[in-house]
PDB file of N, CA and C in Angstrom:
ATOM      1  N   MET A   1      32.914  95.830 -49.088  1.00  0.00           N
ATOM      2  CA  MET A   1      32.608  94.478 -49.506  1.00  0.00           C
ATOM      3  C   MET A   1      33.723  93.513 -49.071  1.00  0.00           C
ATOM      4  N   VAL A   2      34.964  93.918 -49.318  1.00  0.00           N
ATOM      5  CA  VAL A   2      36.088  93.052 -48.965  1.00  0.00           C
ATOM      6  C   VAL A   2      36.197  92.916 -47.448  1.00  0.00           C
ATOM      7  N   GLN A   3      35.945  94.012 -46.734  1.00  0.00           N
ATOM      8  CA  GLN A   3      36.016  93.951 -45.273  1.00  0.00           C
ATOM      9  C   GLN A   3      34.964  92.985 -44.724  1.00  0.00           C
ATOM     10  N   PHE A   4      33.762  93.009 -45.286  1.00  0.00           N
ATOM     11  CA  PHE A   4      32.709  92.083 -44.857  1.00  0.00           C
ATOM     12  C   PHE A   4      33.127  90.642 -45.118  1.00  0.00           C
ATOM     13  N   LEU A   5      33.701  90.395 -46.292  1.00  0.00           N
ATOM     14  CA  LEU A   5      34.142  89.033 -46.618  1.00  0.00           C
ATOM     15  C   LEU A   5      35.276  88.579 -45.694  1.00  0.00           C
ATOM     16  N   ILE A   6      36.135  89.501 -45.298  1.00  0.00           N
ATOM     17  CA  ILE A   6      37.215  89.142 -44.371  1.00  0.00           C
ATOM     18  C   ILE A   6      36.638  88.767 -43.011  1.00  0.00           C
ATOM     19  N   ILE A   7      35.613  89.488 -42.568  1.00  0.00           N
ATOM     20  CA  ILE A   7      34.970  89.155 -41.287  1.00  0.00           C
ATOM     21  C   ILE A   7      34.308  87.787 -41.364  1.00  0.00           C
ATOM     22  N   VAL A   8      33.591  87.524 -42.462  1.00  0.00           N
ATOM     23  CA  VAL A   8      32.953  86.207 -42.641  1.00  0.00           C
ATOM     24  C   VAL A   8      34.016  85.118 -42.717  1.00  0.00           C
ATOM     25  N   HIS A   9      35.107  85.403 -43.415  1.00  0.00           N
ATOM     26  CA  HIS A   9      36.198  84.435 -43.543  1.00  0.00           C
ATOM     27  C   HIS A   9      36.807  84.114 -42.178  1.00  0.00           C
ATOM     28  N   THR A  10      36.956  85.124 -41.333  1.00  0.00           N
ATOM     29  CA  THR A  10      37.482  84.910 -39.980  1.00  0.00           C
ATOM     30  C   THR A  10      36.541  84.049 -39.157  1.00  0.00           C
ATOM     31  N   LEU A  11      35.249  84.331 -39.245  1.00  0.00           N
ATOM     32  CA  LEU A  11      34.264  83.537 -38.496  1.00  0.00           C
ATOM     33  C   LEU A  11      34.242  82.087 -38.981  1.00  0.00           C
ATOM     34  N   VAL A  12      34.313  81.894 -40.287  1.00  0.00           N
ATOM     35  CA  VAL A  12      34.342  80.525 -40.826  1.00  0.00           C
ATOM     36  C   VAL A  12      35.612  79.817 -40.364  1.00  0.00           C
ATOM     37  N   GLY A  13      36.731  80.536 -40.323  1.00  0.00           N
ATOM     38  CA  GLY A  13      37.987  79.938 -39.847  1.00  0.00           C
ATOM     39  C   GLY A  13      37.895  79.510 -38.398  1.00  0.00           C
ATOM     40  N   ILE A  14      37.288  80.348 -37.558  1.00  0.00           N
ATOM     41  CA  ILE A  14      37.127  79.995 -36.140  1.00  0.00           C
ATOM     42  C   ILE A  14      36.204  78.795 -35.996  1.00  0.00           C
ATOM     43  N   MET A  15      35.112  78.790 -36.758  1.00  0.00           N
ATOM     44  CA  MET A  15      34.196  77.633 -36.704  1.00  0.00           C
ATOM     45  C   MET A  15      34.900  76.373 -37.177  1.00  0.00           C
ATOM     46  N   LEU A  16      35.726  76.488 -38.202  1.00  0.00           N
ATOM     47  CA  LEU A  16      36.457  75.335 -38.716  1.00  0.00           C
ATOM     48  C   LEU A  16      37.419  74.786 -37.669  1.00  0.00           C
ATOM     49  N   ILE A  17      38.094  75.677 -36.957  1.00  0.00           N
ATOM     50  CA  ILE A  17      39.002  75.241 -35.888  1.00  0.00           C
ATOM     51  C   ILE A  17      38.236  74.495 -34.802  1.00  0.00           C
ATOM     52  N   VAL A  18      37.100  75.052 -34.390  1.00  0.00           N
ATOM     53  CA  VAL A  18      36.300  74.420 -33.333  1.00  0.00           C
ATOM     54  C   VAL A  18      35.798  73.054 -33.772  1.00  0.00           C
ATOM     55  N   VAL A  19      35.310  72.959 -35.007  1.00  0.00           N
ATOM     56  CA  VAL A  19      34.769  71.686 -35.496  1.00  0.00           C
ATOM     57  C   VAL A  19      35.875  70.643 -35.620  1.00  0.00           C
ATOM     58  N   ILE A  20      37.049  71.065 -36.062  1.00  0.00           N
ATOM     59  CA  ILE A  20      38.159  70.113 -36.166  1.00  0.00           C
ATOM     60  C   ILE A  20      38.591  69.638 -34.785  1.00  0.00           C
ATOM     61  N   LEU A  21      38.609  70.543 -33.813  1.00  0.00           N
ATOM     62  CA  LEU A  21      38.977  70.129 -32.459  1.00  0.00           C
ATOM     63  C   LEU A  21      37.921  69.239 -31.819  1.00  0.00           C
ATOM     64  N   MET A  22      36.685  69.348 -32.257  1.00  0.00           N
ATOM     65  CA  MET A  22      35.631  68.473 -31.728  1.00  0.00           C
ATOM     66  C   MET A  22      35.801  67.043 -32.217  1.00  0.00           C
ATOM     67  N   GLN A  23      36.449  66.880 -33.362  1.00  0.00           N
ATOM     68  CA  GLN A  23      36.671  65.529 -33.876  1.00  0.00           C
ATOM     69  C   GLN A  23      37.806  64.890 -33.102  1.00  0.00           C
ATOM     70  N   SER A  24      37.668  63.633 -32.890  1.00  0.00           N
ATOM     71  CA  SER A  24      38.719  62.901 -32.214  1.00  0.00           C
ATOM     72  C   SER A  24      38.716  61.480 -32.742  1.00  0.00           C
ATOM     73  N   GLY A  25      39.867  60.891 -32.808  1.00  0.00           N
ATOM     74  CA  GLY A  25      39.958  59.532 -33.303  1.00  0.00           C
ATOM     75  C   GLY A  25      39.438  58.514 -32.309  1.00  0.00           C
ATOM     76  N   GLN A  26      39.251  58.904 -31.025  1.00  0.00           N
ATOM     77  CA  GLN A  26      38.867  57.925 -30.022  1.00  0.00           C
ATOM     78  C   GLN A  26      37.600  58.298 -29.280  1.00  0.00           C
ATOM     79  N   GLY A  27      36.710  58.931 -29.895  1.00  0.00           N
ATOM     80  CA  GLY A  27      35.461  59.234 -29.216  1.00  0.00           C
ATOM     81  C   GLY A  27      34.717  60.370 -29.867  1.00  0.00           C
ATOM     82  N   GLY A  28      35.434  61.261 -30.485  1.00  0.00           N
ATOM     83  CA  GLY A  28      34.813  62.339 -31.222  1.00  0.00           C
ATOM     84  C   GLY A  28      33.948  63.227 -30.359  1.00  0.00           C
ATOM     85  N   LEU A  29      32.829  63.607 -30.913  1.00  0.00           N
ATOM     86  CA  LEU A  29      31.901  64.514 -30.249  1.00  0.00           C
ATOM     87  C   LEU A  29      31.319  63.883 -28.991  1.00  0.00           C
ATOM     88  N   ASN A  30      31.188  62.601 -28.989  1.00  0.00           N
ATOM     89  CA  ASN A  30      30.585  61.919 -27.856  1.00  0.00           C
ATOM     90  C   ASN A  30      31.419  62.116 -26.584  1.00  0.00           C
ATOM     91  N   SER A  31      32.727  61.988 -26.684  1.00  0.00           N
ATOM     92  CA  SER A  31      33.561  62.130 -25.488  1.00  0.00           C
ATOM     93  C   SER A  31      33.653  63.585 -25.041  1.00  0.00           C
ATOM     94  N   MET A  32      33.538  64.515 -25.963  1.00  0.00           N
ATOM     95  CA  MET A  32      33.649  65.921 -25.609  1.00  0.00           C
ATOM     96  C   MET A  32      32.394  66.427 -24.894  1.00  0.00           C
ATOM     97  N   MET A  33      31.264  65.947 -25.293  1.00  0.00           N
ATOM     98  CA  MET A  33      30.008  66.420 -24.722  1.00  0.00           C
ATOM     99  C   MET A  33      29.462  65.485 -23.648  1.00  0.00           C
ATOM    100  N   GLY A  34      30.244  64.588 -23.197  1.00  0.00           N
ATOM    101  CA  GLY A  34      29.826  63.735 -22.097  1.00  0.00           C
ATOM    102  C   GLY A  34      28.712  62.764 -22.450  1.00  0.00           C
ATOM    103  N   GLY A  35      28.646  62.299 -23.670  1.00  0.00           N
ATOM    104  CA  GLY A  35      27.654  61.302 -24.055  1.00  0.00           C
ATOM    105  C   GLY A  35      26.361  61.887 -24.574  1.00  0.00           C
ATOM    106  N   THR A  36      26.187  63.193 -24.558  1.00  0.00           N
ATOM    107  CA  THR A  36      24.918  63.771 -25.027  1.00  0.00           C
ATOM    108  C   THR A  36      24.797  63.707 -26.532  1.00  0.00           C
ATOM    109  N   ALA A  37      25.915  63.665 -27.260  1.00  0.00           N
ATOM    110  CA  ALA A  37      25.842  63.579 -28.707  1.00  0.00           C
ATOM    111  C   ALA A  37      25.271  62.241 -29.148  1.00  0.00           C
ATOM    112  N   THR A  38      25.561  61.202 -28.417  1.00  0.00           N
ATOM    113  CA  THR A  38      25.038  59.887 -28.765  1.00  0.00           C
ATOM    114  C   THR A  38      23.533  59.860 -28.622  1.00  0.00           C
ATOM    115  N   SER A  39      23.034  60.484 -27.594  1.00  0.00           N
ATOM    116  CA  SER A  39      21.587  60.469 -27.386  1.00  0.00           C
ATOM    117  C   SER A  39      20.863  61.380 -28.371  1.00  0.00           C
ATOM    118  N   MET A  40      21.507  62.477 -28.818  1.00  0.00           N
ATOM    119  CA  MET A  40      20.844  63.399 -29.740  1.00  0.00           C
ATOM    120  C   MET A  40      20.877  62.895 -31.168  1.00  0.00           C
ATOM    121  N   LEU A  41      22.037  62.510 -31.647  1.00  0.00           N
ATOM    122  CA  LEU A  41      22.199  62.215 -33.059  1.00  0.00           C
ATOM    123  C   LEU A  41      22.494  60.749 -33.340  1.00  0.00           C
ATOM    124  N   GLY A  42      22.644  59.970 -32.339  1.00  0.00           N
ATOM    125  CA  GLY A  42      23.042  58.584 -32.538  1.00  0.00           C
ATOM    126  C   GLY A  42      24.558  58.499 -32.551  1.00  0.00           C
ATOM    127  N   SER A  43      25.099  57.311 -32.378  1.00  0.00           N
ATOM    128  CA  SER A  43      26.553  57.179 -32.253  1.00  0.00           C
ATOM    129  C   SER A  43      27.272  57.533 -33.540  1.00  0.00           C
ATOM    130  N   SER A  44      26.757  57.125 -34.670  1.00  0.00           N
ATOM    131  CA  SER A  44      27.437  57.438 -35.926  1.00  0.00           C
ATOM    132  C   SER A  44      26.912  58.733 -36.527  1.00  0.00           C
ATOM    133  N   GLY A  45      25.729  59.155 -36.117  1.00  0.00           N
ATOM    134  CA  GLY A  45      25.147  60.379 -36.670  1.00  0.00           C
ATOM    135  C   GLY A  45      25.942  61.614 -36.329  1.00  0.00           C
ATOM    136  N   ALA A  46      26.470  61.679 -35.120  1.00  0.00           N
ATOM    137  CA  ALA A  46      27.248  62.849 -34.707  1.00  0.00           C
ATOM    138  C   ALA A  46      28.544  62.932 -35.488  1.00  0.00           C
ATOM    139  N   ASN A  47      29.232  61.820 -35.630  1.00  0.00           N
ATOM    140  CA  ASN A  47      30.505  61.833 -36.349  1.00  0.00           C
ATOM    141  C   ASN A  47      30.311  62.127 -37.830  1.00  0.00           C
ATOM    142  N   ASP A  48      29.257  61.597 -38.431  1.00  0.00           N
ATOM    143  CA  ASP A  48      28.975  61.895 -39.838  1.00  0.00           C
ATOM    144  C   ASP A  48      28.642  63.373 -40.025  1.00  0.00           C
ATOM    145  N   PHE A  49      27.857  63.923 -39.106  1.00  0.00           N
ATOM    146  CA  PHE A  49      27.499  65.337 -39.191  1.00  0.00           C
ATOM    147  C   PHE A  49      28.731  66.223 -39.055  1.00  0.00           C
ATOM    148  N   ILE A  50      29.598  65.910 -38.100  1.00  0.00           N
ATOM    149  CA  ILE A  50      30.810  66.697 -37.888  1.00  0.00           C
ATOM    150  C   ILE A  50      31.743  66.577 -39.097  1.00  0.00           C
ATOM    151  N   THR A  51      31.839  65.410 -39.681  1.00  0.00           N
ATOM    152  CA  THR A  51      32.687  65.225 -40.862  1.00  0.00           C
ATOM    153  C   THR A  51      32.174  66.044 -42.040  1.00  0.00           C
ATOM    154  N   LYS A  52      30.866  66.006 -42.270  1.00  0.00           N
ATOM    155  CA  LYS A  52      30.286  66.785 -43.373  1.00  0.00           C
ATOM    156  C   LYS A  52      30.411  68.283 -43.104  1.00  0.00           C
ATOM    157  N   LEU A  53      30.222  68.692 -41.866  1.00  0.00           N
ATOM    158  CA  LEU A  53      30.346  70.099 -41.512  1.00  0.00           C
ATOM    159  C   LEU A  53      31.788  70.579 -41.722  1.00  0.00           C
ATOM    160  N   THR A  54      32.747  69.745 -41.362  1.00  0.00           N
ATOM    161  CA  THR A  54      34.153  70.088 -41.569  1.00  0.00           C
ATOM    162  C   THR A  54      34.455  70.250 -43.054  1.00  0.00           C
ATOM    163  N   THR A  55      33.936  69.346 -43.855  1.00  0.00           N
ATOM    164  CA  THR A  55      34.155  69.411 -45.300  1.00  0.00           C
ATOM    165  C   THR A  55      33.581  70.696 -45.880  1.00  0.00           C
ATOM    166  N   TRP A  56      32.351  71.010 -45.539  1.00  0.00           N
ATOM    167  CA  TRP A  56      31.711  72.216 -46.079  1.00  0.00           C
ATOM    168  C   TRP A  56      32.374  73.496 -45.573  1.00  0.00           C
ATOM    169  N   LEU A  57      32.763  73.527 -44.309  1.00  0.00           N
ATOM    170  CA  LEU A  57      33.454  74.707 -43.796  1.00  0.00           C
ATOM    171  C   LEU A  57      34.810  74.882 -44.478  1.00  0.00           C
ATOM    172  N   GLY A  58      35.492  73.787 -44.765  1.00  0.00           N
ATOM    173  CA  GLY A  58      36.767  73.866 -45.485  1.00  0.00           C
ATOM    174  C   GLY A  58      36.585  74.395 -46.900  1.00  0.00           C
ATOM    175  N   ILE A  59      35.560  73.928 -47.579  1.00  0.00           N
ATOM    176  CA  ILE A  59      35.276  74.408 -48.941  1.00  0.00           C
ATOM    177  C   ILE A  59      34.935  75.892 -48.923  1.00  0.00           C
ATOM    178  N   ILE A  60      34.098  76.303 -47.974  1.00  0.00           N
ATOM    179  CA  ILE A  60      33.722  77.714 -47.860  1.00  0.00           C
ATOM    180  C   ILE A  60      34.941  78.560 -47.527  1.00  0.00           C
ATOM    181  N   PHE A  61      35.808  78.070 -46.648  1.00  0.00           N
ATOM    182  CA  PHE A  61      37.006  78.795 -46.254  1.00  0.00           C
ATOM    183  C   PHE A  61      37.912  79.044 -47.456  1.00  0.00           C
ATOM    184  N   ILE A  62      38.154  78.019 -48.248  1.00  0.00           N
ATOM    185  CA  ILE A  62      39.029  78.156 -49.412  1.00  0.00           C
ATOM    186  C   ILE A  62      38.384  79.058 -50.469  1.00  0.00           C
ATOM    187  N   ALA A  63      37.081  78.902 -50.686  1.00  0.00           N
ATOM    188  CA  ALA A  63      36.393  79.744 -51.667  1.00  0.00           C
ATOM    189  C   ALA A  63      36.433  81.217 -51.262  1.00  0.00           C
ATOM    190  N   LEU A  64      36.225  81.489 -49.982  1.00  0.00           N
ATOM    191  CA  LEU A  64      36.296  82.873 -49.514  1.00  0.00           C
ATOM    192  C   LEU A  64      37.711  83.433 -49.650  1.00  0.00           C
ATOM    193  N   ALA A  65      38.719  82.617 -49.379  1.00  0.00           N
ATOM    194  CA  ALA A  65      40.105  83.078 -49.514  1.00  0.00           C
ATOM    195  C   ALA A  65      40.405  83.450 -50.965  1.00  0.00           C
ATOM    196  N   LEU A  66      39.962  82.626 -51.898  1.00  0.00           N
ATOM    197  CA  LEU A  66      40.178  82.930 -53.312  1.00  0.00           C
ATOM    198  C   LEU A  66      39.398  84.167 -53.748  1.00  0.00           C
ATOM    199  N   LEU A  67      38.163  84.296 -53.276  1.00  0.00           N
ATOM    200  CA  LEU A  67      37.338  85.443 -53.631  1.00  0.00           C
ATOM    201  C   LEU A  67      37.913  86.741 -53.073  1.00  0.00           C
ATOM    202  N   ILE A  68      38.366  86.723 -51.832  1.00  0.00           N
ATOM    203  CA  ILE A  68      38.966  87.917 -51.228  1.00  0.00           C
ATOM    204  C   ILE A  68      40.252  88.284 -51.976  1.00  0.00           C
ATOM    205  N   GLY A  69      41.050  87.303 -52.324  1.00  0.00           N
ATOM    206  CA  GLY A  69      42.266  87.570 -53.092  1.00  0.00           C
ATOM    207  C   GLY A  69      41.966  88.159 -54.455  1.00  0.00           C
ATOM    208  N   ARG A  70      40.935  87.656 -55.086  1.00  0.00           N
ATOM    209  CA  ARG A  70      40.550  88.162 -56.413  1.00  0.00           C
ATOM    210  C   ARG A  70      40.036  89.597 -56.331  1.00  0.00           C
ATOM    211  N   LEU A  71      39.204  89.880 -55.321  1.00  0.00           N
ATOM    212  CA  LEU A  71      38.624  91.217 -55.203  1.00  0.00           C
ATOM    213  C   LEU A  71      39.634  92.257 -54.734  1.00  0.00           C
ATOM    214  N   SER A  72      40.570  91.866 -53.901  1.00  0.00           N
ATOM    215  CA  SER A  72      41.498  92.854 -53.346  1.00  0.00           C
ATOM    216  C   SER A  72      42.701  93.095 -54.242  1.00  0.00           C
ATOM    217  N   GLY A  73      43.023  92.200 -55.125  1.00  0.00           N
ATOM    218  CA  GLY A  73      44.180  92.378 -56.002  1.00  0.00           C
ATOM    219  C   GLY A  73      43.784  92.281 -57.450  1.00  0.00           C
ATOM    220  N   GLY A  74      43.111  93.286 -57.958  1.00  0.00           N
ATOM    221  CA  GLY A  74      42.649  93.273 -59.340  1.00  0.00           C
ATOM    222  C   GLY A  74      43.751  93.619 -60.320  1.00  0.00           C
ATOM    223  N   ALA A  75      43.388  93.699 -61.600  1.00  0.00           N
ATOM    224  CA  ALA A  75      44.345  93.984 -62.664  1.00  0.00           C
ATOM    225  C   ALA A  75      44.824  95.425 -62.628  1.00  0.00           C
ATOM    226  N   ASP A  76      44.087  96.323 -61.976  1.00  0.00           N
ATOM    227  CA  ASP A  76      44.476  97.731 -61.939  1.00  0.00           C
ATOM    228  C   ASP A  76      45.667  97.978 -61.024  1.00  0.00           C
ATOM    229  N   ASN A  77      46.087  96.995 -60.253  1.00  0.00           N
ATOM    230  CA  ASN A  77      47.207  97.166 -59.333  1.00  0.00           C
ATOM    231  C   ASN A  77      48.547  96.828 -59.967  1.00  0.00           C
ATOM    232  N   THR A  78      48.566  96.462 -61.248  1.00  0.00           N
ATOM    233  CA  THR A  78      49.810  96.004 -61.860  1.00  0.00           C
ATOM    234  C   THR A  78      50.816  97.132 -62.056  1.00  0.00           C
ATOM    235  N   ASN A  79      50.367  98.353 -62.287  1.00  0.00           N
ATOM    236  CA  ASN A  79      51.287  99.465 -62.531  1.00  0.00           C
ATOM    237  C   ASN A  79      51.644 100.223 -61.265  1.00  0.00           C
ATOM    238  N   LYS A  80      51.024  99.885 -60.172  1.00  0.00           N
ATOM    239  CA  LYS A  80      51.308 100.583 -58.924  1.00  0.00           C
ATOM    240  C   LYS A  80      52.582 100.028 -58.304  1.00  0.00           C
ATOM    241  N   PRO A  81      53.345 100.883 -57.612  1.00  0.00           N
ATOM    242  CA  PRO A  81      54.550 100.370 -56.943  1.00  0.00           C
ATOM    243  C   PRO A  81      54.171  99.462 -55.782  1.00  0.00           C
ATOM    244  N   GLY A  82      55.097  98.605 -55.417  1.00  0.00           N
ATOM    245  CA  GLY A  82      54.864  97.684 -54.314  1.00  0.00           C
ATOM    246  C   GLY A  82      54.864  98.400 -52.972  1.00  0.00           C
ATOM    247  N   ILE A  83      54.620  97.641 -51.928  1.00  0.00           N
ATOM    248  CA  ILE A  83      54.530  98.212 -50.586  1.00  0.00           C
ATOM    249  C   ILE A  83      55.864  98.823 -50.169  1.00  0.00           C
ATOM    250  N   VAL A  84      56.954  98.166 -50.504  1.00  0.00           N
ATOM    251  CA  VAL A  84      58.266  98.674 -50.115  1.00  0.00           C
ATOM    252  C   VAL A  84      58.549  99.990 -50.831  1.00  0.00           C
ATOM    253  N   GLU A  85      58.231 100.052 -52.135  1.00  0.00           N
ATOM    254  CA  GLU A  85      58.473 101.288 -52.872  1.00  0.00           C
ATOM    255  C   GLU A  85      57.581 102.411 -52.382  1.00  0.00           C
ATOM    256  N   GLN A  86      56.319 102.091 -52.051  1.00  0.00           N
ATOM    257  CA  GLN A  86      55.425 103.125 -51.525  1.00  0.00           C
ATOM    258  C   GLN A  86      55.959 103.665 -50.210  1.00  0.00           C
ATOM    259  N   ASN A  87      56.469 102.793 -49.358  1.00  0.00           N
ATOM    260  CA  ASN A  87      57.015 103.228 -48.079  1.00  0.00           C
ATOM    261  C   ASN A  87      58.264 104.079 -48.286  1.00  0.00           C
ATOM    262  N   ALA A  88      59.098 103.690 -49.239  1.00  0.00           N
ATOM    263  CA  ALA A  88      60.313 104.459 -49.505  1.00  0.00           C
ATOM    264  C   ALA A  88      59.966 105.832 -50.064  1.00  0.00           C
ATOM    265  N   GLN A  89      58.971 105.889 -50.951  1.00  0.00           N
ATOM    266  CA  GLN A  89      58.574 107.168 -51.528  1.00  0.00           C
ATOM    267  C   GLN A  89      57.937 108.073 -50.480  1.00  0.00           C
ATOM    268  N   SER A  90      57.181 107.502 -49.570  1.00  0.00           N
ATOM    269  CA  SER A  90      56.516 108.326 -48.568  1.00  0.00           C
ATOM    270  C   SER A  90      57.496 108.843 -47.521  1.00  0.00           C
ATOM    271  N   SER A  91      58.624 108.162 -47.331  1.00  0.00           N
ATOM    272  CA  SER A  91      59.574 108.604 -46.314  1.00  0.00           C
ATOM    273  C   SER A  91      60.663 109.519 -46.871  1.00  0.00           C
ATOM    274  N   GLU A  92      60.635 109.760 -48.188  1.00  0.00           N
ATOM    275  CA  GLU A  92      61.625 110.655 -48.772  1.00  0.00           C
ATOM    276  C   GLU A  92      61.330 112.086 -48.337  1.00  0.00           C
ATOM    277  N   THR A  93      62.358 112.766 -47.899  1.00  0.00           N
ATOM    278  CA  THR A  93      62.210 114.169 -47.515  1.00  0.00           C
ATOM    279  C   THR A  93      63.347 114.954 -48.137  1.00  0.00           C
ATOM    280  N   GLU A  94      63.095 116.204 -48.351  1.00  0.00           N
ATOM    281  CA  GLU A  94      64.138 117.067 -48.871  1.00  0.00           C
ATOM    282  C   GLU A  94      64.953 117.583 -47.695  1.00  0.00           C
ATOM    283  N   VAL A  95      66.241 117.378 -47.766  1.00  0.00           N
ATOM    284  CA  VAL A  95      67.126 117.837 -46.707  1.00  0.00           C
ATOM    285  C   VAL A  95      67.598 119.228 -47.090  1.00  0.00           C
ATOM    286  N   PRO A  96      67.337 120.201 -46.239  1.00  0.00           N
ATOM    287  CA  PRO A  96      67.781 121.552 -46.590  1.00  0.00           C
ATOM    288  C   PRO A  96      69.306 121.632 -46.553  1.00  0.00           C
ATOM    289  N   VAL A  97      69.839 122.382 -47.491  1.00  0.00           N
ATOM    290  CA  VAL A  97      71.284 122.565 -47.565  1.00  0.00           C
ATOM    291  C   VAL A  97      71.683 123.509 -46.445  1.00  0.00           C
ATOM    292  N   GLY A  98      72.711 123.133 -45.745  1.00  0.00           N
ATOM    293  CA  GLY A  98      73.176 123.952 -44.632  1.00  0.00           C
ATOM    294  C   GLY A  98      73.716 125.292 -45.124  1.00  0.00           C
ATOM    295  N   ASN A  99      73.831 126.229 -44.215  1.00  0.00           N
ATOM    296  CA  ASN A  99      74.364 127.536 -44.583  1.00  0.00           C
ATOM    297  C   ASN A  99      75.834 127.389 -44.943  1.00  0.00           C
ATOM    298  N   GLU A 100      76.138 127.724 -46.169  1.00  0.00           N
ATOM    299  CA  GLU A 100      77.516 127.662 -46.616  1.00  0.00           C
ATOM    300  C   GLU A 100      78.198 128.981 -46.263  1.00  0.00           C
ATOM    301  N   TYR A 101      79.477 128.881 -46.136  1.00  0.00           N
ATOM    302  CA  TYR A 101      80.223 130.096 -45.830  1.00  0.00           C
ATOM    303  C   TYR A 101      80.256 130.960 -47.080  1.00  0.00           C
ATOM    304  N   VAL A 102      79.806 132.181 -46.945  1.00  0.00           N
ATOM    305  CA  VAL A 102      79.777 133.105 -48.066  1.00  0.00           C
ATOM    306  C   VAL A 102      80.835 134.178 -47.834  1.00  0.00           C
ATOM    307  N   ILE A 103      81.684 134.326 -48.815  1.00  0.00           N
ATOM    308  CA  ILE A 103      82.717 135.352 -48.709  1.00  0.00           C
ATOM    309  C   ILE A 103      82.080 136.682 -49.093  1.00  0.00           C
ATOM    310  N   PRO A 104      82.225 137.654 -48.246  1.00  0.00           N
ATOM    311  CA  PRO A 104      81.668 138.968 -48.592  1.00  0.00           C
ATOM    312  C   PRO A 104      82.330 139.509 -49.859  1.00  0.00           C
ATOM    313  N   SER A 105      81.563 140.195 -50.652  1.00  0.00           N
ATOM    314  CA  SER A 105      82.078 140.697 -51.927  1.00  0.00           C
ATOM    315  C   SER A 105      83.183 141.724 -51.723  1.00  0.00           C
ATOM    316  N   SER A 106      83.144 142.452 -50.630  1.00  0.00           N
ATOM    317  CA  SER A 106      84.203 143.432 -50.378  1.00  0.00           C
ATOM    318  C   SER A 106      85.545 142.745 -50.150  1.00  0.00           C
ATOM    319  N   ALA A 107      85.530 141.574 -49.540  1.00  0.00           N
ATOM    320  CA  ALA A 107      86.764 140.825 -49.322  1.00  0.00           C
ATOM    321  C   ALA A 107      87.321 140.333 -50.645  1.00  0.00           C
ATOM    322  N   LEU A 108      86.451 139.966 -51.577  1.00  0.00           N
ATOM    323  CA  LEU A 108      86.921 139.505 -52.892  1.00  0.00           C
ATOM    324  C   LEU A 108      87.560 140.648 -53.660  1.00  0.00           C
ATOM    325  N   GLU A 109      86.956 141.839 -53.550  1.00  0.00           N
ATOM    326  CA  GLU A 109      87.517 142.988 -54.253  1.00  0.00           C
ATOM    327  C   GLU A 109      88.884 143.345 -53.709  1.00  0.00           C
ATOM    328  N   GLU A 110      89.034 143.286 -52.399  1.00  0.00           N
ATOM    329  CA  GLU A 110      90.317 143.606 -51.786  1.00  0.00           C
ATOM    330  C   GLU A 110      91.378 142.597 -52.197  1.00  0.00           C
ATOM    331  N   GLU A 111      90.952 141.317 -52.283  1.00  0.00           N
ATOM    332  CA  GLU A 111      91.870 140.255 -52.632  1.00  0.00           C
ATOM    333  C   GLU A 111      92.334 140.417 -54.074  1.00  0.00           C
ATOM    334  N   SER A 112      91.432 140.808 -54.954  1.00  0.00           N
ATOM    335  CA  SER A 112      91.805 140.962 -56.364  1.00  0.00           C
ATOM    336  C   SER A 112      92.707 142.177 -56.563  1.00  0.00           C
ATOM    337  N   LYS A 113      92.540 143.206 -55.726  1.00  0.00           N
ATOM    338  CA  LYS A 113      93.393 144.388 -55.828  1.00  0.00           C
ATOM    339  C   LYS A 113      94.806 144.084 -55.387  1.00  0.00           C
ATOM    340  N   GLU A 114      94.951 143.200 -54.409  1.00  0.00           N
ATOM    341  CA  GLU A 114      96.266 142.875 -53.894  1.00  0.00           C
ATOM    342  C   GLU A 114      97.073 142.104 -54.931  1.00  0.00           C
ATOM    343  N   GLU A 115      96.456 141.332 -55.756  1.00  0.00           N
ATOM    344  CA  GLU A 115      97.176 140.520 -56.751  1.00  0.00           C
ATOM    345  C   GLU A 115      97.574 141.333 -57.895  1.00  0.00           C
TER     346      GLU A 115
END
């Protein structure tokens, strides 16, 4: 479910970028499409449509961001360690103790006899 919402959120973000780039303070959609927007939607119709589309895409983008955040970080994650602690715990390894020098027991007996 969250993965699907992330994909939709990405698509809405890309559409929002494209729609914002289509807007321009000195011609808007009309200058980008070579005058075809004026003939299709009228001179003010294209700019009004793009403005409303930008507004709705922005609202959808923010709503999806909040929804994804809510679904992916629920209350059950409060007792879990953070990402750094999980990484530290997963990289912990037991280091084997090197071979220590062992004195043969016969050498100890000889040493105790000499004293």
